[in-house]
Amino acid sequence: MRKSRRERGEGQFGCLIGLILLGIVVFVAWKMVPVKVKAAEMRQTVVDEAKSAGTHNDDRIRAAILAKAREDNLPVTEKDITIVRANSEITVTVTYTIQVEFPGYTYNWHIEHQAQNPIF
């Protein structure tokens, strides 16, 4: 009587590779998802501050963005924030780089948030 390959256990190598790949994906997600969430919160702050440009001056907008950056431990400084008011419109731009550490590798993620709104 002949046994099939499955009965001899030869299919285990593919399962092992799949589990290793799954582990790598989970690890990368574990490192990147919190950074992505913080970046999304910063983008929303930039949009909200651009919308309130009619009632907030540039210093107040800059202070709100820096406060959010401190709250989320993002590497944003005053020089990373550009505010331009022209033709009854405001453009708020925030550019920064987040370093994500992986074993043996550091990924530099360059992020730019820009919001443009009319000033009422």
Protein backbone atom coordinates (compact mmCIF):
# COMPACT_ATOMS: atom_id res chain seq x y z
CA MET A 1 0.00 0.00 0.00
CA ARG A 2 1.36 3.43 -1.03
CA LYS A 3 1.11 6.50 1.16
CA SER A 4 0.40 9.87 -0.36
CA ARG A 5 2.70 12.84 0.18
CA ARG A 6 0.39 14.42 2.72
CA GLU A 7 0.55 11.39 4.94
CA ARG A 8 4.34 11.54 5.00
CA GLY A 9 4.33 15.20 6.23
CA GLU A 10 5.94 16.84 3.21
CA GLY A 11 3.44 19.73 3.22
CA GLN A 12 4.80 21.24 6.46
CA PHE A 13 7.47 23.41 4.82
CA GLY A 14 4.92 25.61 3.03
CA CYS A 15 3.02 26.09 6.28
CA LEU A 16 6.22 27.14 8.05
CA ILE A 17 7.02 29.72 5.33
CA GLY A 18 3.46 31.04 5.55
CA LEU A 19 3.70 31.44 9.32
CA ILE A 20 7.03 33.27 9.01
CA LEU A 21 5.57 35.66 6.41
CA LEU A 22 2.51 36.21 8.61
CA GLY A 23 4.79 37.02 11.55
CA ILE A 24 6.73 39.55 9.46
CA VAL A 25 3.51 41.23 8.29
CA VAL A 26 2.18 41.43 11.86
CA PHE A 27 5.47 42.90 13.10
CA VAL A 28 5.57 45.57 10.37
CA ALA A 29 1.92 46.45 11.05
CA TRP A 30 2.66 46.64 14.79
CA LYS A 31 5.39 49.21 14.10
CA MET A 32 3.64 51.21 11.33
CA VAL A 33 -0.03 51.43 12.39
CA PRO A 34 0.57 53.71 15.42
CA VAL A 35 2.73 56.01 13.27
CA LYS A 36 0.04 56.09 10.57
CA VAL A 37 -2.64 56.94 13.17
CA LYS A 38 -0.54 59.81 14.56
CA ALA A 39 0.08 61.12 11.03
CA ALA A 40 -3.67 61.01 10.31
CA GLU A 41 -4.39 62.94 13.51
CA MET A 42 -1.82 65.57 12.51
CA ARG A 43 -3.37 65.83 9.03
CA GLN A 44 -6.79 66.42 10.62
CA THR A 45 -5.34 69.12 12.88
CA VAL A 46 -3.81 70.89 9.87
CA VAL A 47 -7.15 70.76 8.02
CA ASP A 48 -9.07 72.01 11.06
CA GLU A 49 -6.67 74.89 11.61
CA ALA A 50 -6.85 75.89 7.94
CA LYS A 51 -10.65 75.95 8.21
CA SER A 52 -10.51 78.28 11.20
CA ALA A 53 -8.11 80.73 9.55
CA GLY A 54 -10.71 83.49 9.60
CA THR A 55 -10.75 83.52 13.41
CA HIS A 56 -7.18 82.38 14.17
CA ASN A 57 -3.99 84.25 13.40
CA ASP A 58 -0.84 82.50 12.14
CA ASP A 59 0.71 82.25 15.60
CA ARG A 60 -2.37 80.54 17.02
CA ILE A 61 -2.48 78.09 14.09
CA ARG A 62 1.23 77.33 14.51
CA ALA A 63 0.79 76.85 18.28
CA ALA A 64 -2.11 74.42 17.81
CA ILE A 65 -0.11 72.34 15.32
CA LEU A 66 2.93 72.27 17.60
CA ALA A 67 0.76 71.28 20.58
CA LYS A 68 -0.66 68.35 18.62
CA ALA A 69 2.86 67.34 17.55
CA ARG A 70 4.04 67.37 21.17
CA GLU A 71 0.98 65.38 22.24
CA ASP A 72 1.68 62.68 19.65
CA ASN A 73 5.51 62.83 19.97
CA LEU A 74 5.93 63.85 16.34
CA PRO A 75 9.17 65.56 15.25
CA VAL A 76 7.55 68.81 14.11
CA THR A 77 9.28 72.14 14.75
CA GLU A 78 8.29 75.72 13.92
CA LYS A 79 10.42 75.66 10.77
CA ASP A 80 8.44 72.62 9.51
CA ILE A 81 5.21 74.67 9.43
CA THR A 82 4.52 77.02 6.53
CA ILE A 83 1.48 79.30 6.55
CA VAL A 84 0.70 81.42 3.48
CA ARG A 85 -2.24 83.81 3.25
CA ALA A 86 -2.90 85.15 -0.25
CA ASN A 87 -5.95 86.11 -2.33
CA SER A 88 -8.42 85.42 0.51
CA GLU A 89 -7.04 81.91 0.87
CA ILE A 90 -4.80 80.17 3.36
CA THR A 91 -2.39 77.32 2.75
CA VAL A 92 -1.00 75.46 5.74
CA THR A 93 1.82 72.99 5.06
CA VAL A 94 3.52 70.76 7.62
CA THR A 95 6.50 68.66 6.53
CA TYR A 96 8.38 66.25 8.78
CA THR A 97 10.18 62.90 8.84
CA ILE A 98 9.38 60.05 11.21
CA GLN A 99 12.00 57.38 11.81
CA VAL A 100 10.57 53.88 12.25
CA GLU A 101 13.07 51.43 13.72
CA PHE A 102 13.18 47.86 12.48
CA PRO A 103 15.81 45.28 13.42
CA GLY A 104 18.81 46.21 11.30
CA TYR A 105 17.01 48.98 9.39
CA THR A 106 15.64 52.46 10.04
CA TYR A 107 12.86 53.62 7.72
CA ASN A 108 12.64 57.39 7.23
CA TRP A 109 9.02 58.20 6.39
CA HIS A 110 8.73 61.70 4.88
CA ILE A 111 5.28 63.15 5.46
CA GLU A 112 3.73 66.35 4.13
CA HIS A 113 0.27 67.57 5.10
CA GLN A 114 -1.19 70.48 3.18
CA ALA A 115 -4.56 72.13 3.61
CA GLN A 116 -5.93 74.98 1.52
CA ASN A 117 -9.06 76.90 2.45
CA PRO A 118 -10.74 80.18 1.65
CA ILE A 119 -10.64 82.77 4.43
CA PHE A 120 -14.07 84.05 5.39
